[in-house]
């Protein structure tokens, strides 16, 4: 999917590399390293066209990811996963 995102961005003449991705239960966030001179606002303006070319319902562009020099691109997963409250409460990473 990361290569597909890069290819679709290239179709719109946007040079970007996917450097990381974080899958979640509902969306997957791709972190994009934009080429010099490419503005994040340009990707935001193309979000609907990008969603259409990727055959998804919507694309959310996160222009600033705190602590990282990348732009985020959030795509919905084809199948949502259920997150149960017990899993969240039993997670050791959450301070109590």
PDB file of N, CA and C in Angstrom:
ATOM      1  N   UNK A   1       0.823  -1.189   0.000  1.00  0.00           N
ATOM      2  CA  UNK A   1       0.000   0.000   0.000  1.00  0.00           C
ATOM      3  C   UNK A   1       0.873   1.261   0.000  1.00  0.00           C
ATOM      4  N   UNK A   2       2.028   1.199   0.668  1.00  0.00           N
ATOM      5  CA  UNK A   2       2.919   2.361   0.722  1.00  0.00           C
ATOM      6  C   UNK A   2       3.408   2.734  -0.677  1.00  0.00           C
ATOM      7  N   UNK A   3       3.739   1.739  -1.479  1.00  0.00           N
ATOM      8  CA  UNK A   3       4.196   2.013  -2.848  1.00  0.00           C
ATOM      9  C   UNK A   3       3.065   2.581  -3.691  1.00  0.00           C
ATOM     10  N   UNK A   4       1.841   2.133  -3.438  1.00  0.00           N
ATOM     11  CA  UNK A   4       0.679   2.660  -4.149  1.00  0.00           C
ATOM     12  C   UNK A   4       0.466   4.136  -3.810  1.00  0.00           C
ATOM     13  N   UNK A   5       0.629   4.496  -2.547  1.00  0.00           N
ATOM     14  CA  UNK A   5       0.506   5.900  -2.129  1.00  0.00           C
ATOM     15  C   UNK A   5       1.560   6.743  -2.844  1.00  0.00           C
ATOM     16  N   UNK A   6       2.799   6.258  -2.877  1.00  0.00           N
ATOM     17  CA  UNK A   6       3.861   6.992  -3.565  1.00  0.00           C
ATOM     18  C   UNK A   6       3.552   7.149  -5.051  1.00  0.00           C
ATOM     19  N   UNK A   7       3.030   6.082  -5.670  1.00  0.00           N
ATOM     20  CA  UNK A   7       2.706   6.131  -7.100  1.00  0.00           C
ATOM     21  C   UNK A   7       1.580   7.115  -7.386  1.00  0.00           C
ATOM     22  N   UNK A   8       0.560   7.130  -6.549  1.00  0.00           N
ATOM     23  CA  UNK A   8      -0.565   8.051  -6.765  1.00  0.00           C
ATOM     24  C   UNK A   8      -0.139   9.502  -6.545  1.00  0.00           C
ATOM     25  N   UNK A   9       0.725   9.735  -5.578  1.00  0.00           N
ATOM     26  CA  UNK A   9       1.251  11.088  -5.390  1.00  0.00           C
ATOM     27  C   UNK A   9       2.085  11.506  -6.598  1.00  0.00           C
ATOM     28  N   UNK A  10       2.853  10.575  -7.144  1.00  0.00           N
ATOM     29  CA  UNK A  10       3.652  10.870  -8.337  1.00  0.00           C
ATOM     30  C   UNK A  10       2.754  11.203  -9.526  1.00  0.00           C
ATOM     31  N   UNK A  11       1.571  10.587  -9.598  1.00  0.00           N
ATOM     32  CA  UNK A  11       0.620  10.916 -10.665  1.00  0.00           C
ATOM     33  C   UNK A  11       0.214  12.384 -10.613  1.00  0.00           C
ATOM     34  N   UNK A  12       0.198  12.957  -9.411  1.00  0.00           N
ATOM     35  CA  UNK A  12      -0.134  14.371  -9.230  1.00  0.00           C
ATOM     36  C   UNK A  12       1.122  15.247  -9.190  1.00  0.00           C
ATOM     37  N   UNK A  13       2.246  14.673  -9.596  1.00  0.00           N
ATOM     38  CA  UNK A  13       3.539  15.368  -9.640  1.00  0.00           C
ATOM     39  C   UNK A  13       3.998  15.842  -8.260  1.00  0.00           C
ATOM     40  N   UNK A  14       3.779  14.986  -7.284  1.00  0.00           N
ATOM     41  CA  UNK A  14       4.249  15.255  -5.924  1.00  0.00           C
ATOM     42  C   UNK A  14       5.276  14.186  -5.580  1.00  0.00           C
ATOM     43  N   UNK A  15       6.503  14.611  -5.347  1.00  0.00           N
ATOM     44  CA  UNK A  15       7.577  13.682  -5.006  1.00  0.00           C
ATOM     45  C   UNK A  15       7.599  13.513  -3.497  1.00  0.00           C
ATOM     46  N   UNK A  16       7.306  12.292  -3.049  1.00  0.00           N
ATOM     47  CA  UNK A  16       7.300  11.991  -1.613  1.00  0.00           C
ATOM     48  C   UNK A  16       7.642  10.524  -1.414  1.00  0.00           C
ATOM     49  N   UNK A  17       8.283  10.238  -0.296  1.00  0.00           N
ATOM     50  CA  UNK A  17       8.618   8.866   0.069  1.00  0.00           C
ATOM     51  C   UNK A  17       7.900   8.513   1.360  1.00  0.00           C
ATOM     52  N   UNK A  18       7.339   7.309   1.414  1.00  0.00           N
ATOM     53  CA  UNK A  18       6.733   6.817   2.651  1.00  0.00           C
ATOM     54  C   UNK A  18       7.869   6.276   3.509  1.00  0.00           C
ATOM     55  N   UNK A  19       8.098   6.908   4.653  1.00  0.00           N
ATOM     56  CA  UNK A  19       9.201   6.502   5.521  1.00  0.00           C
ATOM     57  C   UNK A  19       8.740   5.601   6.662  1.00  0.00           C
ATOM     58  N   UNK A  20       7.446   5.651   6.973  1.00  0.00           N
ATOM     59  CA  UNK A  20       6.917   4.829   8.060  1.00  0.00           C
ATOM     60  C   UNK A  20       5.409   4.752   7.916  1.00  0.00           C
ATOM     61  N   UNK A  21       4.836   3.722   8.492  1.00  0.00           N
ATOM     62  CA  UNK A  21       3.381   3.651   8.555  1.00  0.00           C
ATOM     63  C   UNK A  21       2.980   3.019   9.872  1.00  0.00           C
ATOM     64  N   UNK A  22       1.814   3.431  10.369  1.00  0.00           N
ATOM     65  CA  UNK A  22       1.305   2.935  11.646  1.00  0.00           C
ATOM     66  C   UNK A  22      -0.116   2.429  11.441  1.00  0.00           C
ATOM     67  N   UNK A  23      -0.284   1.112  11.402  1.00  0.00           N
ATOM     68  CA  UNK A  23      -1.645   0.586  11.250  1.00  0.00           C
ATOM     69  C   UNK A  23      -2.404   0.665  12.568  1.00  0.00           C
ATOM     70  N   UNK A  24      -3.669   1.000  12.482  1.00  0.00           N
ATOM     71  CA  UNK A  24      -4.538   1.055  13.650  1.00  0.00           C
ATOM     72  C   UNK A  24      -5.791   0.249  13.388  1.00  0.00           C
ATOM     73  N   UNK A  25      -6.716   0.248  14.323  1.00  0.00           N
ATOM     74  CA  UNK A  25      -7.938  -0.541  14.146  1.00  0.00           C
ATOM     75  C   UNK A  25      -8.871   0.019  13.075  1.00  0.00           C
ATOM     76  N   UNK A  26      -8.804   1.323  12.808  1.00  0.00           N
ATOM     77  CA  UNK A  26      -9.717   1.940  11.839  1.00  0.00           C
ATOM     78  C   UNK A  26      -8.967   2.590  10.674  1.00  0.00           C
ATOM     79  N   UNK A  27      -7.843   3.221  10.960  1.00  0.00           N
ATOM     80  CA  UNK A  27      -7.069   3.894   9.908  1.00  0.00           C
ATOM     81  C   UNK A  27      -5.613   3.443   9.945  1.00  0.00           C
ATOM     82  N   UNK A  28      -4.914   3.685   8.846  1.00  0.00           N
ATOM     83  CA  UNK A  28      -3.471   3.493   8.783  1.00  0.00           C
ATOM     84  C   UNK A  28      -2.857   4.837   8.435  1.00  0.00           C
ATOM     85  N   UNK A  29      -1.887   5.270   9.248  1.00  0.00           N
ATOM     86  CA  UNK A  29      -1.220   6.551   8.994  1.00  0.00           C
ATOM     87  C   UNK A  29       0.110   6.294   8.305  1.00  0.00           C
ATOM     88  N   UNK A  30       0.284   6.950   7.170  1.00  0.00           N
ATOM     89  CA  UNK A  30       1.532   6.899   6.431  1.00  0.00           C
ATOM     90  C   UNK A  30       2.276   8.203   6.686  1.00  0.00           C
ATOM     91  N   UNK A  31       3.568   8.103   6.979  1.00  0.00           N
ATOM     92  CA  UNK A  31       4.394   9.287   7.190  1.00  0.00           C
ATOM     93  C   UNK A  31       5.178   9.538   5.910  1.00  0.00           C
ATOM     94  N   UNK A  32       4.996  10.733   5.357  1.00  0.00           N
ATOM     95  CA  UNK A  32       5.595  11.085   4.077  1.00  0.00           C
ATOM     96  C   UNK A  32       6.739  12.065   4.263  1.00  0.00           C
ATOM     97  N   UNK A  33       7.850  11.771   3.619  1.00  0.00           N
ATOM     98  CA  UNK A  33       8.975  12.697   3.558  1.00  0.00           C
ATOM     99  C   UNK A  33       8.872  13.398   2.206  1.00  0.00           C
ATOM    100  N   UNK A  34       8.481  14.656   2.232  1.00  0.00           N
ATOM    101  CA  UNK A  34       8.277  15.399   0.995  1.00  0.00           C
ATOM    102  C   UNK A  34       9.607  15.873   0.424  1.00  0.00           C
ATOM    103  N   UNK A  35       9.675  15.931  -0.901  1.00  0.00           N
ATOM    104  CA  UNK A  35      10.864  16.448  -1.573  1.00  0.00           C
ATOM    105  C   UNK A  35      10.988  17.941  -1.278  1.00  0.00           C
ATOM    106  N   UNK A  36      12.199  18.480  -1.344  1.00  0.00           N
ATOM    107  CA  UNK A  36      12.371  19.916  -1.111  1.00  0.00           C
ATOM    108  C   UNK A  36      11.506  20.735  -2.073  1.00  0.00           C
ATOM    109  N   UNK A  37      10.825  21.731  -1.521  1.00  0.00           N
ATOM    110  CA  UNK A  37       9.982  22.596  -2.334  1.00  0.00           C
ATOM    111  C   UNK A  37       8.528  22.179  -2.419  1.00  0.00           C
ATOM    112  N   UNK A  38       8.195  20.985  -1.935  1.00  0.00           N
ATOM    113  CA  UNK A  38       6.808  20.518  -1.963  1.00  0.00           C
ATOM    114  C   UNK A  38       6.138  20.949  -0.666  1.00  0.00           C
ATOM    115  N   UNK A  39       5.027  21.648  -0.786  1.00  0.00           N
ATOM    116  CA  UNK A  39       4.313  22.143   0.391  1.00  0.00           C
ATOM    117  C   UNK A  39       3.237  21.153   0.816  1.00  0.00           C
ATOM    118  N   UNK A  40       3.038  21.048   2.119  1.00  0.00           N
ATOM    119  CA  UNK A  40       2.011  20.150   2.656  1.00  0.00           C
ATOM    120  C   UNK A  40       0.621  20.596   2.228  1.00  0.00           C
ATOM    121  N   UNK A  41       0.428  21.889   2.053  1.00  0.00           N
ATOM    122  CA  UNK A  41      -0.878  22.409   1.635  1.00  0.00           C
ATOM    123  C   UNK A  41      -1.270  21.891   0.256  1.00  0.00           C
ATOM    124  N   UNK A  42      -0.300  21.588  -0.554  1.00  0.00           N
ATOM    125  CA  UNK A  42      -0.587  21.047  -1.891  1.00  0.00           C
ATOM    126  C   UNK A  42      -1.243  19.674  -1.788  1.00  0.00           C
ATOM    127  N   UNK A  43      -0.781  18.863  -0.845  1.00  0.00           N
ATOM    128  CA  UNK A  43      -1.385  17.548  -0.637  1.00  0.00           C
ATOM    129  C   UNK A  43      -2.777  17.713  -0.050  1.00  0.00           C
ATOM    130  N   UNK A  44      -2.940  18.653   0.860  1.00  0.00           N
ATOM    131  CA  UNK A  44      -4.258  18.905   1.453  1.00  0.00           C
ATOM    132  C   UNK A  44      -5.275  19.299   0.389  1.00  0.00           C
ATOM    133  N   UNK A  45      -4.854  20.122  -0.553  1.00  0.00           N
ATOM    134  CA  UNK A  45      -5.759  20.547  -1.615  1.00  0.00           C
ATOM    135  C   UNK A  45      -6.161  19.403  -2.538  1.00  0.00           C
ATOM    136  N   UNK A  46      -5.334  18.374  -2.609  1.00  0.00           N
ATOM    137  CA  UNK A  46      -5.617  17.239  -3.485  1.00  0.00           C
ATOM    138  C   UNK A  46      -6.233  16.055  -2.744  1.00  0.00           C
ATOM    139  N   UNK A  47      -6.662  16.242  -1.503  1.00  0.00           N
ATOM    140  CA  UNK A  47      -7.108  15.102  -0.693  1.00  0.00           C
ATOM    141  C   UNK A  47      -8.279  14.347  -1.326  1.00  0.00           C
ATOM    142  N   UNK A  48      -9.243  15.049  -1.894  1.00  0.00           N
ATOM    143  CA  UNK A  48     -10.383  14.358  -2.521  1.00  0.00           C
ATOM    144  C   UNK A  48      -9.958  13.593  -3.772  1.00  0.00           C
ATOM    145  N   UNK A  49      -9.128  14.215  -4.590  1.00  0.00           N
ATOM    146  CA  UNK A  49      -8.644  13.531  -5.791  1.00  0.00           C
ATOM    147  C   UNK A  49      -7.765  12.343  -5.424  1.00  0.00           C
ATOM    148  N   UNK A  50      -6.995  12.498  -4.370  1.00  0.00           N
ATOM    149  CA  UNK A  50      -6.142  11.410  -3.900  1.00  0.00           C
ATOM    150  C   UNK A  50      -6.986  10.249  -3.380  1.00  0.00           C
ATOM    151  N   UNK A  51      -8.051  10.559  -2.650  1.00  0.00           N
ATOM    152  CA  UNK A  51      -8.957   9.516  -2.154  1.00  0.00           C
ATOM    153  C   UNK A  51      -9.584   8.760  -3.319  1.00  0.00           C
ATOM    154  N   UNK A  52      -9.992   9.477  -4.343  1.00  0.00           N
ATOM    155  CA  UNK A  52     -10.589   8.836  -5.510  1.00  0.00           C
ATOM    156  C   UNK A  52      -9.582   7.922  -6.204  1.00  0.00           C
ATOM    157  N   UNK A  53      -8.358   8.394  -6.383  1.00  0.00           N
ATOM    158  CA  UNK A  53      -7.355   7.592  -7.082  1.00  0.00           C
ATOM    159  C   UNK A  53      -6.909   6.379  -6.266  1.00  0.00           C
ATOM    160  N   UNK A  54      -7.044   6.456  -4.933  1.00  0.00           N
ATOM    161  CA  UNK A  54      -6.695   5.315  -4.072  1.00  0.00           C
ATOM    162  C   UNK A  54      -7.904   4.427  -3.785  1.00  0.00           C
ATOM    163  N   UNK A  55      -9.067   4.796  -4.336  1.00  0.00           N
ATOM    164  CA  UNK A  55     -10.316   4.035  -4.158  1.00  0.00           C
ATOM    165  C   UNK A  55     -10.706   3.905  -2.690  1.00  0.00           C
ATOM    166  N   UNK A  56     -10.596   5.003  -1.963  1.00  0.00           N
ATOM    167  CA  UNK A  56     -11.014   5.027  -0.565  1.00  0.00           C
ATOM    168  C   UNK A  56     -12.104   6.074  -0.378  1.00  0.00           C
ATOM    169  N   UNK A  57     -12.772   5.994   0.752  1.00  0.00           N
ATOM    170  CA  UNK A  57     -13.848   6.935   1.049  1.00  0.00           C
ATOM    171  C   UNK A  57     -13.296   8.338   1.259  1.00  0.00           C
ATOM    172  N   UNK A  58     -12.212   8.443   2.009  1.00  0.00           N
ATOM    173  CA  UNK A  58     -11.630   9.747   2.319  1.00  0.00           C
ATOM    174  C   UNK A  58     -10.155   9.582   2.655  1.00  0.00           C
ATOM    175  N   UNK A  59      -9.443  10.680   2.549  1.00  0.00           N
ATOM    176  CA  UNK A  59      -8.041  10.745   2.947  1.00  0.00           C
ATOM    177  C   UNK A  59      -7.911  11.949   3.864  1.00  0.00           C
ATOM    178  N   UNK A  60      -7.285  11.751   5.005  1.00  0.00           N
ATOM    179  CA  UNK A  60      -7.051  12.864   5.929  1.00  0.00           C
ATOM    180  C   UNK A  60      -5.565  13.190   5.901  1.00  0.00           C
ATOM    181  N   UNK A  61      -5.264  14.456   5.694  1.00  0.00           N
ATOM    182  CA  UNK A  61      -3.876  14.905   5.652  1.00  0.00           C
ATOM    183  C   UNK A  61      -3.551  15.579   6.976  1.00  0.00           C
ATOM    184  N   UNK A  62      -2.513  15.092   7.640  1.00  0.00           N
ATOM    185  CA  UNK A  62      -2.031  15.683   8.890  1.00  0.00           C
ATOM    186  C   UNK A  62      -0.765  16.450   8.525  1.00  0.00           C
ATOM    187  N   UNK A  63      -0.893  17.771   8.445  1.00  0.00           N
ATOM    188  CA  UNK A  63       0.226  18.578   7.955  1.00  0.00           C
ATOM    189  C   UNK A  63       1.387  18.650   8.936  1.00  0.00           C
ATOM    190  N   UNK A  64       1.108  18.534  10.221  1.00  0.00           N
ATOM    191  CA  UNK A  64       2.175  18.589  11.233  1.00  0.00           C
ATOM    192  C   UNK A  64       2.014  17.400  12.169  1.00  0.00           C
ATOM    193  N   UNK A  65       3.033  16.557  12.217  1.00  0.00           N
ATOM    194  CA  UNK A  65       3.084  15.466  13.187  1.00  0.00           C
ATOM    195  C   UNK A  65       4.061  15.926  14.264  1.00  0.00           C
ATOM    196  N   UNK A  66       3.596  16.123  15.493  1.00  0.00           N
ATOM    197  CA  UNK A  66       4.472  16.645  16.547  1.00  0.00           C
ATOM    198  C   UNK A  66       5.742  15.808  16.727  1.00  0.00           C
ATOM    199  N   UNK A  67       6.872  16.473  16.700  1.00  0.00           N
ATOM    200  CA  UNK A  67       8.155  15.819  16.918  1.00  0.00           C
ATOM    201  C   UNK A  67       8.744  15.141  15.693  1.00  0.00           C
ATOM    202  N   UNK A  68       8.091  15.274  14.544  1.00  0.00           N
ATOM    203  CA  UNK A  68       8.596  14.628  13.330  1.00  0.00           C
ATOM    204  C   UNK A  68       8.548  15.617  12.170  1.00  0.00           C
ATOM    205  N   UNK A  69       9.501  15.497  11.245  1.00  0.00           N
ATOM    206  CA  UNK A  69       9.507  16.414  10.094  1.00  0.00           C
ATOM    207  C   UNK A  69       8.675  15.909   8.916  1.00  0.00           C
ATOM    208  N   UNK A  70       7.732  15.028   9.177  1.00  0.00           N
ATOM    209  CA  UNK A  70       6.968  14.393   8.108  1.00  0.00           C
ATOM    210  C   UNK A  70       5.535  14.892   8.058  1.00  0.00           C
ATOM    211  N   UNK A  71       4.883  14.613   6.940  1.00  0.00           N
ATOM    212  CA  UNK A  71       3.462  14.890   6.758  1.00  0.00           C
ATOM    213  C   UNK A  71       2.739  13.558   6.877  1.00  0.00           C
ATOM    214  N   UNK A  72       1.613  13.544   7.572  1.00  0.00           N
ATOM    215  CA  UNK A  72       0.849  12.314   7.747  1.00  0.00           C
ATOM    216  C   UNK A  72      -0.276  12.209   6.738  1.00  0.00           C
ATOM    217  N   UNK A  73      -0.523  10.994   6.294  1.00  0.00           N
ATOM    218  CA  UNK A  73      -1.627  10.712   5.383  1.00  0.00           C
ATOM    219  C   UNK A  73      -2.391   9.539   5.991  1.00  0.00           C
ATOM    220  N   UNK A  74      -3.629   9.783   6.407  1.00  0.00           N
ATOM    221  CA  UNK A  74      -4.426   8.752   7.067  1.00  0.00           C
ATOM    222  C   UNK A  74      -5.449   8.184   6.093  1.00  0.00           C
ATOM    223  N   UNK A  75      -5.383   6.873   5.901  1.00  0.00           N
ATOM    224  CA  UNK A  75      -6.301   6.170   5.012  1.00  0.00           C
ATOM    225  C   UNK A  75      -7.127   5.184   5.823  1.00  0.00           C
ATOM    226  N   UNK A  76      -8.424   5.091   5.552  1.00  0.00           N
ATOM    227  CA  UNK A  76      -9.247   4.123   6.282  1.00  0.00           C
ATOM    228  C   UNK A  76      -8.896   2.693   5.867  1.00  0.00           C
ATOM    229  N   UNK A  77      -8.915   1.783   6.839  1.00  0.00           N
ATOM    230  CA  UNK A  77      -8.686   0.370   6.545  1.00  0.00           C
ATOM    231  C   UNK A  77      -9.913  -0.206   5.853  1.00  0.00           C
ATOM    232  N   UNK A  78      -9.700  -1.228   5.044  1.00  0.00           N
ATOM    233  CA  UNK A  78     -10.833  -1.851   4.353  1.00  0.00           C
ATOM    234  C   UNK A  78     -11.775  -2.530   5.331  1.00  0.00           C
ATOM    235  N   UNK A  79     -11.211  -3.067   6.407  1.00  0.00           N
ATOM    236  CA  UNK A  79     -12.034  -3.716   7.423  1.00  0.00           C
ATOM    237  C   UNK A  79     -11.659  -3.144   8.784  1.00  0.00           C
ATOM    238  N   UNK A  80     -12.654  -2.642   9.504  1.00  0.00           N
ATOM    239  CA  UNK A  80     -12.412  -2.101  10.844  1.00  0.00           C
ATOM    240  C   UNK A  80     -12.265  -3.235  11.848  1.00  0.00           C
ATOM    241  N   UNK A  81     -11.408  -3.005  12.829  1.00  0.00           N
ATOM    242  CA  UNK A  81     -11.252  -3.962  13.915  1.00  0.00           C
ATOM    243  C   UNK A  81     -11.961  -3.415  15.143  1.00  0.00           C
ATOM    244  N   UNK A  82     -12.545  -4.302  15.905  1.00  0.00           N
ATOM    245  CA  UNK A  82     -13.213  -3.900  17.137  1.00  0.00           C
ATOM    246  C   UNK A  82     -12.182  -3.799  18.252  1.00  0.00           C
ATOM    247  N   UNK A  83     -12.258  -2.725  19.014  1.00  0.00           N
ATOM    248  CA  UNK A  83     -11.390  -2.544  20.179  1.00  0.00           C
ATOM    249  C   UNK A  83     -12.290  -2.644  21.404  1.00  0.00           C
ATOM    250  N   UNK A  84     -12.037  -3.642  22.223  1.00  0.00           N
ATOM    251  CA  UNK A  84     -12.851  -3.863  23.414  1.00  0.00           C
ATOM    252  C   UNK A  84     -12.291  -3.069  24.590  1.00  0.00           C
ATOM    253  N   UNK A  85     -13.180  -2.610  25.443  1.00  0.00           N
ATOM    254  CA  UNK A  85     -12.783  -1.806  26.595  1.00  0.00           C
ATOM    255  C   UNK A  85     -11.819  -2.574  27.497  1.00  0.00           C
ATOM    256  N   UNK A  86     -12.011  -3.859  27.655  1.00  0.00           N
ATOM    257  CA  UNK A  86     -11.135  -4.680  28.497  1.00  0.00           C
ATOM    258  C   UNK A  86      -9.703  -4.635  27.973  1.00  0.00           C
ATOM    259  N   UNK A  87      -9.519  -4.679  26.662  1.00  0.00           N
ATOM    260  CA  UNK A  87      -8.178  -4.607  26.079  1.00  0.00           C
ATOM    261  C   UNK A  87      -7.509  -3.275  26.416  1.00  0.00           C
ATOM    262  N   UNK A  88      -8.280  -2.214  26.377  1.00  0.00           N
ATOM    263  CA  UNK A  88      -7.737  -0.893  26.681  1.00  0.00           C
ATOM    264  C   UNK A  88      -7.366  -0.798  28.156  1.00  0.00           C
ATOM    265  N   UNK A  89      -8.248  -1.270  29.038  1.00  0.00           N
ATOM    266  CA  UNK A  89      -7.994  -1.189  30.473  1.00  0.00           C
ATOM    267  C   UNK A  89      -6.854  -2.097  30.915  1.00  0.00           C
ATOM    268  N   UNK A  90      -6.688  -3.233  30.255  1.00  0.00           N
ATOM    269  CA  UNK A  90      -5.624  -4.169  30.616  1.00  0.00           C
ATOM    270  C   UNK A  90      -4.268  -3.793  30.017  1.00  0.00           C
ATOM    271  N   UNK A  91      -4.234  -2.797  29.160  1.00  0.00           N
ATOM    272  CA  UNK A  91      -2.995  -2.400  28.514  1.00  0.00           C
ATOM    273  C   UNK A  91      -2.043  -1.814  29.556  1.00  0.00           C
ATOM    274  N   UNK A  92      -0.843  -2.359  29.632  1.00  0.00           N
ATOM    275  CA  UNK A  92       0.135  -1.929  30.640  1.00  0.00           C
ATOM    276  C   UNK A  92       0.722  -0.550  30.333  1.00  0.00           C
ATOM    277  N   UNK A  93       0.555  -0.045  29.115  1.00  0.00           N
ATOM    278  CA  UNK A  93       1.133   1.244  28.751  1.00  0.00           C
ATOM    279  C   UNK A  93       0.339   2.418  29.303  1.00  0.00           C
ATOM    280  N   UNK A  94      -0.886   2.181  29.722  1.00  0.00           N
ATOM    281  CA  UNK A  94      -1.733   3.258  30.219  1.00  0.00           C
ATOM    282  C   UNK A  94      -1.465   3.459  31.709  1.00  0.00           C
ATOM    283  N   UNK A  95      -1.053   4.682  32.116  1.00  0.00           N
ATOM    284  CA  UNK A  95      -0.824   4.926  33.547  1.00  0.00           C
ATOM    285  C   UNK A  95      -2.148   4.952  34.309  1.00  0.00           C
ATOM    286  N   UNK A  96      -2.111   4.446  35.517  1.00  0.00           N
ATOM    287  CA  UNK A  96      -3.333   4.405  36.343  1.00  0.00           C
ATOM    288  C   UNK A  96      -3.184   5.263  37.554  1.00  0.00           C
TER     289      UNK A  96
END
